[in-house]
Amino acid sequence: MDFFKVTSLEESKKIIRKQFIEIFSKKEIVPLSESIGRYSASKIVSRDSVPSFDKSTVDGYAVKAESTHGASDSIPSMLNLKGEAEMGKENTYTIDSSETVYVPTGGMIPCGADAVVMIEYSEVLGDEIFLNTSVAKGENIIYRGEDLEKNDILLESGKKIRPQNIGTFAAGGITEVEVSVNPSFYIISTGDEVKSLGSELKPGEIIDINSYTLEALVNEWGSKLKGRTLVGDNLEILKNEIKKGIEVSDILILSGGSSVGSKDYTCRAIKELGGEIMVHGMSIKPGKPTIIGGVHGKLVIGLPGHPVSALMVFKALLEDFLNKDKGKSYRMILKKEIHSTPGRTTYQPVVIDGDFAVPLHGKSGVISLLNKAFGYTIIPSDKEGFNSGDIVDVWAF
């Protein structure tokens, strides 16, 4: 594929979705306690009604509401005490308008009752109860299914499972949850000049930044990293590492070597391993020299070597597949205008100043740019930029 025949970001994602859908469609069933932080792979529905019976919200006397109408301190309602409900047991009593049953908080309401009078508004004289306040129908009662009905949708598919969801699932009788299984990754950093962290650098050499940044993002997304390695500008060694990577992972990420220089071996290595190059060059800024390919059914992505480009392209291409909620976004006022090239989707880092988003400009090879950034805003390919004062969406890193 001609390098300068660039592909749009949306078309690139469509290619990934079409060619590698099985990689992103894996599911598994896990115990409820192990589902926190995972993403639901299907709708989760309540198996039970909550509560499963009409219950009292107070300590008091279950009554027919009509039997208390007009009750006051001076003219109380007098009812016969028929019995007392026990916590955790079925209430088998049935009352009429002349009767009442004592019910503790959370206790089951007897048949015939439609309200509960708080114990503070009662006096006991033997088997007779005097109630000095009136109650409305339904007062101090939670009805069966009022919290959750059986088959209520508790969480839609593709949503992150949070602690409060766990409690709701438990209440609804859910013991296991079907969740998405994120694909696994293998990361290869390339280049003779790139050295491992802790190395004593010689003039012209740089520390491997990208593999650590990408590994952190993989972990944050809840995916597994099967390996991370560093390869110099050697085609045969690179091919061997690619073979190793696709044997143990679903997605292989190569950092560097995606351009068209004499030592940019990514495309050549993929082809010589029997793979296919589907995209070479994306209409995105930063990150134009991006490669999307496949080897033996595994997705291979060649990222630019510049740290800002590598991270932003990685997020732009895969975040929708792996982090379905994407993260928190903010509607903010742009403090300064941002220029963009029509035809290219631009990911612009920003910092926050009060209610304002301030564009953070810098070269894509400068890692400190990302360290300063709060997040980024996205300029669509059909726009030439944003003006100062525009309201924009800012996605937090």
Protein backbone atom coordinates (compact mmCIF):
# COMPACT_ATOMS: atom_id res chain seq x y z
CA MET A 1 0.00 0.00 0.00
CA ASP A 2 1.29 3.46 -0.89
CA PHE A 3 2.26 5.25 2.33
CA PHE A 4 0.67 8.54 1.37
CA LYS A 5 -2.65 6.93 0.53
CA VAL A 6 -3.86 7.54 4.05
CA THR A 7 -6.92 5.99 5.65
CA SER A 8 -9.27 7.85 7.97
CA LEU A 9 -9.46 6.98 11.65
CA GLU A 10 -13.08 5.79 11.35
CA GLU A 11 -12.31 3.63 8.33
CA SER A 12 -9.29 2.17 10.15
CA LYS A 13 -11.50 1.21 13.10
CA LYS A 14 -14.02 -0.35 10.72
CA ILE A 15 -11.24 -2.47 9.24
CA ILE A 16 -10.22 -3.66 12.70
CA ARG A 17 -13.84 -4.39 13.63
CA LYS A 18 -14.46 -6.34 10.43
CA GLN A 19 -11.22 -8.30 10.26
CA PHE A 20 -10.63 -9.00 13.94
CA ILE A 21 -14.08 -9.01 15.54
CA GLU A 22 -13.44 -12.40 17.19
CA ILE A 23 -10.55 -10.93 19.16
CA PHE A 24 -12.89 -8.42 20.78
CA SER A 25 -15.87 -10.77 21.23
CA LYS A 26 -14.55 -13.18 23.84
CA LYS A 27 -16.72 -13.73 26.92
CA GLU A 28 -16.50 -15.62 30.16
CA ILE A 29 -18.68 -16.19 33.21
CA VAL A 30 -17.15 -15.21 36.54
CA PRO A 31 -18.39 -15.29 40.15
CA LEU A 32 -20.06 -12.07 41.25
CA SER A 33 -17.19 -11.22 43.59
CA GLU A 34 -14.70 -11.35 40.69
CA SER A 35 -16.69 -9.15 38.30
CA ILE A 36 -15.76 -5.74 39.77
CA GLY A 37 -14.10 -3.51 37.18
CA ARG A 38 -14.99 -5.84 34.31
CA TYR A 39 -17.40 -5.02 31.47
CA SER A 40 -20.76 -6.74 31.12
CA ALA A 41 -20.95 -8.90 28.00
CA SER A 42 -24.75 -9.05 28.01
CA LYS A 43 -27.71 -7.42 29.74
CA ILE A 44 -27.84 -8.33 33.41
CA VAL A 45 -31.39 -8.81 34.68
CA SER A 46 -32.78 -9.40 38.14
CA ARG A 47 -33.73 -12.97 38.91
CA ASP A 48 -35.84 -12.00 41.91
CA SER A 49 -38.16 -9.21 43.02
CA VAL A 50 -36.72 -6.94 45.72
CA PRO A 51 -38.09 -7.02 48.28
CA SER A 52 -39.72 -10.40 47.81
CA PHE A 53 -42.51 -9.46 50.24
CA ASP A 54 -44.25 -6.34 51.54
CA LYS A 55 -42.15 -5.11 54.47
CA SER A 56 -42.23 -2.42 57.12
CA THR A 57 -39.74 0.44 57.15
CA VAL A 58 -40.33 1.14 60.87
CA ASP A 59 -41.04 -0.60 64.15
CA GLY A 60 -44.79 -0.30 64.56
CA TYR A 61 -48.26 -1.67 64.05
CA ALA A 62 -49.55 -2.93 60.73
CA VAL A 63 -53.07 -1.65 60.10
CA LYS A 64 -55.68 -0.91 57.51
CA ALA A 65 -55.13 2.81 56.93
CA GLU A 66 -58.85 3.51 57.06
CA SER A 67 -58.96 2.34 60.68
CA THR A 68 -56.71 5.27 61.74
CA HIS A 69 -58.55 8.10 59.98
CA GLY A 70 -59.23 10.92 62.42
CA ALA A 71 -57.00 9.45 65.13
CA SER A 72 -55.35 11.98 67.47
CA ASP A 73 -54.00 12.31 71.01
CA SER A 74 -57.45 13.18 72.28
CA ILE A 75 -59.36 10.65 70.18
CA PRO A 76 -57.07 7.65 69.47
CA SER A 77 -58.03 4.66 67.36
CA MET A 78 -58.38 1.49 69.39
CA LEU A 79 -57.45 -1.82 67.74
CA ASN A 80 -57.11 -5.38 68.94
CA LEU A 81 -53.51 -6.69 68.98
CA LYS A 82 -53.68 -9.96 67.09
CA GLY A 83 -50.02 -10.93 67.35
CA GLU A 84 -46.42 -10.11 66.53
CA ALA A 85 -44.40 -10.72 63.38
CA GLU A 86 -41.00 -12.40 63.67
CA MET A 87 -38.00 -11.28 61.64
CA GLY A 88 -36.98 -13.71 58.94
CA LYS A 89 -40.22 -15.65 59.12
CA GLU A 90 -43.41 -15.60 57.11
CA ASN A 91 -46.19 -13.49 58.60
CA THR A 92 -49.26 -15.72 58.53
CA TYR A 93 -51.62 -13.26 60.21
CA THR A 94 -54.59 -11.70 58.44
CA ILE A 95 -56.18 -8.54 59.88
CA ASP A 96 -59.38 -6.56 59.40
CA SER A 97 -60.10 -2.91 60.21
CA SER A 98 -60.45 -3.65 63.95
CA GLU A 99 -57.12 -5.48 64.29
CA THR A 100 -53.39 -4.86 64.20
CA VAL A 101 -50.15 -6.84 64.27
CA TYR A 102 -46.82 -5.61 65.60
CA VAL A 103 -44.14 -5.61 62.90
CA PRO A 104 -40.43 -4.78 63.42
CA THR A 105 -38.40 -2.80 60.84
CA GLY A 106 -37.93 -5.05 57.84
CA GLY A 107 -40.60 -7.45 59.00
CA MET A 108 -43.24 -8.94 56.71
CA ILE A 109 -46.59 -7.13 56.54
CA PRO A 110 -49.62 -9.29 57.39
CA CYS A 111 -52.35 -9.94 54.86
CA GLY A 112 -55.00 -7.18 54.89
CA ALA A 113 -52.69 -4.42 56.17
CA ASP A 114 -51.83 -1.46 53.93
CA ALA A 115 -49.94 0.87 56.32
CA VAL A 116 -47.83 0.86 59.47
CA VAL A 117 -48.13 3.24 62.44
CA MET A 118 -44.81 3.99 64.13
CA ILE A 119 -44.55 2.59 67.66
CA GLU A 120 -43.95 6.13 69.00
CA TYR A 121 -47.57 6.96 68.24
CA SER A 122 -49.06 4.04 70.17
CA GLU A 123 -50.02 2.96 73.67
CA VAL A 124 -50.46 -0.62 74.80
CA LEU A 125 -53.15 -1.65 77.27
CA GLY A 126 -53.22 -5.43 77.45
CA ASP A 127 -54.42 -6.76 74.12
CA GLU A 128 -55.59 -3.36 72.97
CA ILE A 129 -53.48 -0.81 71.07
CA PHE A 130 -54.33 2.88 71.04
CA LEU A 131 -53.03 4.76 68.01
CA ASN A 132 -52.95 8.56 68.27
CA THR A 133 -52.07 9.42 64.66
CA SER A 134 -53.52 8.63 61.28
CA VAL A 135 -51.60 7.11 58.38
CA ALA A 136 -52.16 7.03 54.64
CA LYS A 137 -52.36 3.91 52.56
CA GLY A 138 -48.86 2.64 51.82
CA GLU A 139 -47.23 4.70 54.58
CA ASN A 140 -44.13 3.07 56.11
CA ILE A 141 -44.32 0.10 53.73
CA ILE A 142 -42.03 -1.00 50.91
CA TYR A 143 -44.09 -3.19 48.62
CA ARG A 144 -42.95 -6.38 46.96
CA GLY A 145 -40.89 -5.51 43.88
CA GLU A 146 -40.87 -1.78 44.67
CA ASP A 147 -37.06 -1.74 44.63
CA LEU A 148 -36.54 -4.26 41.83
CA GLU A 149 -38.98 -6.30 39.79
CA LYS A 150 -38.03 -9.72 38.52
CA ASN A 151 -36.43 -9.37 35.04
CA ASP A 152 -35.63 -5.68 35.57
CA ILE A 153 -32.49 -4.69 33.63
CA LEU A 154 -29.78 -4.03 36.22
CA LEU A 155 -26.99 -3.17 33.77
CA GLU A 156 -26.83 -2.87 30.01
CA SER A 157 -24.25 -4.77 27.99
CA GLY A 158 -20.85 -3.12 27.64
CA LYS A 159 -20.91 -1.22 30.94
CA LYS A 160 -18.21 -1.23 33.58
CA ILE A 161 -19.24 -3.06 36.74
CA ARG A 162 -18.88 -0.80 39.79
CA PRO A 163 -19.19 -1.57 43.53
CA GLN A 164 -22.79 -0.32 43.68
CA ASN A 165 -23.66 -2.66 40.80
CA ILE A 166 -22.33 -5.60 42.81
CA GLY A 167 -24.76 -4.84 45.63
CA THR A 168 -27.68 -4.51 43.21
CA PHE A 169 -26.78 -7.79 41.51
CA ALA A 170 -26.63 -9.56 44.86
CA ALA A 171 -30.05 -8.16 45.79
CA GLY A 172 -31.43 -9.39 42.47
CA GLY A 173 -30.15 -12.92 43.05
CA ILE A 174 -27.23 -12.75 40.61
CA THR A 175 -24.40 -15.13 41.56
CA GLU A 176 -22.43 -15.12 38.29
CA VAL A 177 -21.89 -12.49 35.61
CA GLU A 178 -21.02 -12.81 31.94
CA VAL A 179 -18.19 -10.38 31.19
CA SER A 180 -16.04 -9.45 28.24
CA VAL A 181 -12.55 -10.89 28.04
CA ASN A 182 -10.18 -8.21 26.84
CA PRO A 183 -7.61 -9.33 24.28
CA SER A 184 -4.04 -9.86 25.42
CA PHE A 185 -1.08 -7.81 24.16
CA TYR A 186 2.57 -8.21 23.27
CA ILE A 187 4.66 -5.04 22.88
CA ILE A 188 7.83 -4.67 20.84
CA SER A 189 9.87 -1.47 20.84
CA THR A 190 12.23 -1.14 17.88
CA GLY A 191 15.33 0.81 16.97
CA ASP A 192 19.11 0.58 17.49
CA GLU A 193 18.98 3.86 19.39
CA VAL A 194 16.37 2.65 21.89
CA LYS A 195 17.78 1.21 25.12
CA SER A 196 16.15 -0.45 28.10
CA LEU A 197 15.34 1.48 31.26
CA GLY A 198 18.39 1.69 33.54
CA SER A 199 20.93 1.60 30.71
CA GLU A 200 23.81 4.06 30.65
CA LEU A 201 23.14 6.04 27.50
CA LYS A 202 25.74 6.90 24.88
CA PRO A 203 25.38 9.96 22.65
CA GLY A 204 22.48 9.42 20.24
CA GLU A 205 20.74 6.79 22.37
CA ILE A 206 17.36 7.14 24.10
CA ILE A 207 15.45 5.28 26.81
CA ASP A 208 12.56 3.03 25.79
CA ILE A 209 9.62 5.18 26.88
CA ASN A 210 6.82 3.80 24.74
CA SER A 211 6.68 0.22 25.96
CA TYR A 212 6.25 1.36 29.57
CA THR A 213 3.57 3.88 28.62
CA LEU A 214 1.68 1.37 26.50
CA GLU A 215 1.98 -1.36 29.13
CA ALA A 216 0.48 1.00 31.72
CA LEU A 217 -2.46 1.73 29.43
CA VAL A 218 -2.98 -1.98 28.72
CA ASN A 219 -3.09 -2.63 32.47
CA GLU A 220 -5.46 0.28 33.05
CA TRP A 221 -7.83 -1.16 30.46
CA GLY A 222 -7.85 -4.50 32.26
CA SER A 223 -6.03 -6.41 29.54
CA LYS A 224 -3.14 -8.82 30.02
CA LEU A 225 0.35 -8.11 28.78
CA LYS A 226 1.95 -11.35 27.60
CA GLY A 227 5.36 -9.85 26.99
CA ARG A 228 7.37 -6.71 26.34
CA THR A 229 10.68 -6.65 24.51
CA LEU A 230 13.18 -4.41 22.74
CA VAL A 231 14.54 -5.16 19.25
CA GLY A 232 17.21 -3.30 17.31
CA ASP A 233 17.08 -2.61 13.59
CA ASN A 234 17.41 -6.24 12.54
CA LEU A 235 14.76 -7.75 10.27
CA GLU A 236 15.27 -11.40 11.21
CA ILE A 237 15.23 -10.76 14.95
CA LEU A 238 12.11 -8.61 14.52
CA LYS A 239 10.37 -11.40 12.58
CA ASN A 240 11.23 -13.90 15.32
CA GLU A 241 9.81 -11.60 17.99
CA ILE A 242 6.64 -11.03 15.97
CA LYS A 243 6.19 -14.81 15.64
CA LYS A 244 6.69 -15.21 19.37
CA GLY A 245 4.26 -12.38 20.10
CA ILE A 246 1.41 -13.65 17.94
CA GLU A 247 1.75 -17.14 19.45
CA VAL A 248 1.01 -15.89 22.96
CA SER A 249 -1.20 -12.81 22.45
CA ASP A 250 -4.17 -11.50 20.49
CA ILE A 251 -2.75 -8.09 19.56
CA LEU A 252 0.86 -7.28 18.75
CA ILE A 253 1.99 -3.67 19.15
CA LEU A 254 5.18 -2.45 17.52
CA SER A 255 6.56 0.93 18.49
CA GLY A 256 8.78 2.59 15.90
CA GLY A 257 9.72 1.31 12.46
CA SER A 258 6.36 2.25 10.95
CA SER A 259 7.58 4.97 8.59
CA VAL A 260 9.27 4.51 5.21
CA GLY A 261 12.96 4.81 6.07
CA SER A 262 15.54 2.23 5.06
CA LYS A 263 15.46 0.66 8.55
CA ASP A 264 11.69 0.80 9.08
CA TYR A 265 11.12 -2.94 8.92
CA THR A 266 7.60 -3.34 10.30
CA CYS A 267 5.77 -3.65 6.98
CA ARG A 268 8.42 -5.91 5.50
CA ALA A 269 8.42 -8.20 8.53
CA ILE A 270 4.62 -8.56 8.47
CA LYS A 271 4.60 -9.42 4.76
CA GLU A 272 7.49 -11.91 5.01
CA LEU A 273 5.62 -13.72 7.78
CA GLY A 274 2.67 -14.21 5.44
CA GLY A 275 0.70 -11.31 6.86
CA GLU A 276 -1.27 -8.52 5.24
CA ILE A 277 -0.93 -4.74 5.47
CA MET A 278 -4.40 -3.20 5.59
CA VAL A 279 -3.48 0.38 6.48
CA HIS A 280 -0.20 2.23 6.14
CA GLY A 281 -0.77 5.87 6.91
CA MET A 282 -3.70 7.29 8.85
CA SER A 283 -5.27 10.73 8.53
CA ILE A 284 -4.70 11.51 12.18
CA LYS A 285 -2.59 14.05 14.02
CA PRO A 286 -0.34 13.08 15.67
CA GLY A 287 0.38 9.65 14.28
CA LYS A 288 0.20 9.67 10.50
CA PRO A 289 2.74 6.80 9.93
CA THR A 290 0.56 4.11 11.51
CA ILE A 291 0.31 0.53 10.31
CA ILE A 292 -2.59 -1.88 10.71
CA GLY A 293 -1.99 -5.43 9.63
CA GLY A 294 -2.69 -9.05 10.42
CA VAL A 295 -0.56 -12.16 10.81
CA HIS A 296 -2.27 -15.55 11.17
CA GLY A 297 -5.50 -13.97 12.46
CA LYS A 298 -3.77 -11.75 15.02
CA LEU A 299 -3.99 -7.96 14.89
CA VAL A 300 -0.67 -6.18 14.40
CA ILE A 301 -0.42 -2.43 14.90
CA GLY A 302 2.69 -0.45 14.06
CA LEU A 303 2.79 2.79 16.01
CA PRO A 304 5.00 5.82 15.38
CA GLY A 305 8.07 6.02 17.59
CA HIS A 306 7.32 9.46 19.03
CA PRO A 307 5.79 9.01 22.52
CA VAL A 308 2.86 11.41 22.09
CA SER A 309 1.97 9.91 18.71
CA ALA A 310 2.24 6.35 19.98
CA LEU A 311 -0.04 6.90 22.97
CA MET A 312 -2.65 8.97 21.16
CA VAL A 313 -2.93 6.56 18.20
CA PHE A 314 -3.12 3.58 20.57
CA LYS A 315 -6.03 5.22 22.41
CA ALA A 316 -7.71 6.43 19.23
CA LEU A 317 -7.65 3.02 17.54
CA LEU A 318 -8.43 0.68 20.42
CA GLU A 319 -10.11 2.57 23.24
CA ASP A 320 -13.61 2.08 21.81
CA PHE A 321 -13.02 -1.67 21.66
CA LEU A 322 -11.37 -2.15 25.04
CA ASN A 323 -12.68 0.60 27.29
CA LYS A 324 -16.34 0.71 26.33
CA ASP A 325 -17.21 3.50 28.77
CA LYS A 326 -14.18 5.40 27.43
CA GLY A 327 -13.82 7.46 30.57
CA LYS A 328 -15.07 10.71 31.96
CA SER A 329 -15.57 13.64 29.63
CA TYR A 330 -16.11 17.29 30.47
CA ARG A 331 -17.81 20.08 28.56
CA MET A 332 -15.43 23.02 28.77
CA ILE A 333 -14.80 26.43 27.25
CA LEU A 334 -11.78 26.60 24.97
CA LYS A 335 -9.47 29.40 26.08
CA LYS A 336 -7.41 29.60 22.89
CA GLU A 337 -8.13 28.65 19.30
CA ILE A 338 -6.79 25.39 17.86
CA HIS A 339 -5.88 25.03 14.20
CA SER A 340 -6.24 21.69 12.41
CA THR A 341 -5.69 20.36 8.93
CA PRO A 342 -8.97 19.44 7.20
CA GLY A 343 -9.08 15.75 6.37
CA ARG A 344 -7.16 14.72 9.50
CA THR A 345 -8.65 13.88 12.89
CA THR A 346 -6.64 15.79 15.50
CA TYR A 347 -6.12 14.70 19.09
CA GLN A 348 -5.14 17.86 20.96
CA PRO A 349 -3.79 17.61 24.54
CA VAL A 350 -5.14 20.25 26.93
CA VAL A 351 -4.62 21.50 30.46
CA ILE A 352 -7.40 22.86 32.68
CA ASP A 353 -7.59 26.44 33.93
CA GLY A 354 -10.75 26.81 36.00
CA ASP A 355 -13.66 26.28 33.62
CA PHE A 356 -11.39 26.60 30.60
CA ALA A 357 -9.51 24.08 28.48
CA VAL A 358 -6.16 25.40 27.30
CA PRO A 359 -4.48 23.75 24.29
CA LEU A 360 -1.10 22.28 25.14
CA HIS A 361 1.20 22.54 22.14
CA GLY A 362 4.44 20.71 21.65
CA LYS A 363 6.27 18.26 19.45
CA SER A 364 5.11 14.64 19.37
CA GLY A 365 8.53 13.44 20.53
CA VAL A 366 8.29 15.30 23.85
CA ILE A 367 6.95 13.00 26.58
CA SER A 368 6.58 15.88 29.09
CA LEU A 369 3.69 17.12 26.94
CA LEU A 370 1.61 14.16 28.09
CA ASN A 371 2.77 14.47 31.68
CA LYS A 372 1.40 18.01 31.83
CA ALA A 373 -1.86 17.26 30.03
CA PHE A 374 -5.16 16.75 31.88
CA GLY A 375 -6.69 15.14 28.81
CA TYR A 376 -7.43 15.86 25.19
CA THR A 377 -10.09 17.18 22.84
CA ILE A 378 -10.79 15.75 19.41
CA ILE A 379 -11.08 17.89 16.29
CA PRO A 380 -13.08 16.00 13.61
CA SER A 381 -11.55 15.60 10.17
CA ASP A 382 -14.17 17.89 8.59
CA LYS A 383 -13.23 20.91 10.76
CA GLU A 384 -10.34 23.34 10.45
CA GLY A 385 -10.14 23.70 14.20
CA PHE A 386 -11.93 25.29 17.17
CA ASN A 387 -12.24 28.96 18.04
CA SER A 388 -11.56 30.56 21.39
CA GLY A 389 -14.80 30.42 23.40
CA ASP A 390 -16.09 27.24 21.73
CA ILE A 391 -17.57 24.59 23.99
CA VAL A 392 -15.60 21.36 23.54
CA ASP A 393 -15.59 17.85 24.96
CA VAL A 394 -12.44 17.10 26.95
CA TRP A 395 -11.61 13.47 27.65
CA ALA A 396 -9.58 12.90 30.80
CA PHE A 397 -6.46 10.78 30.56
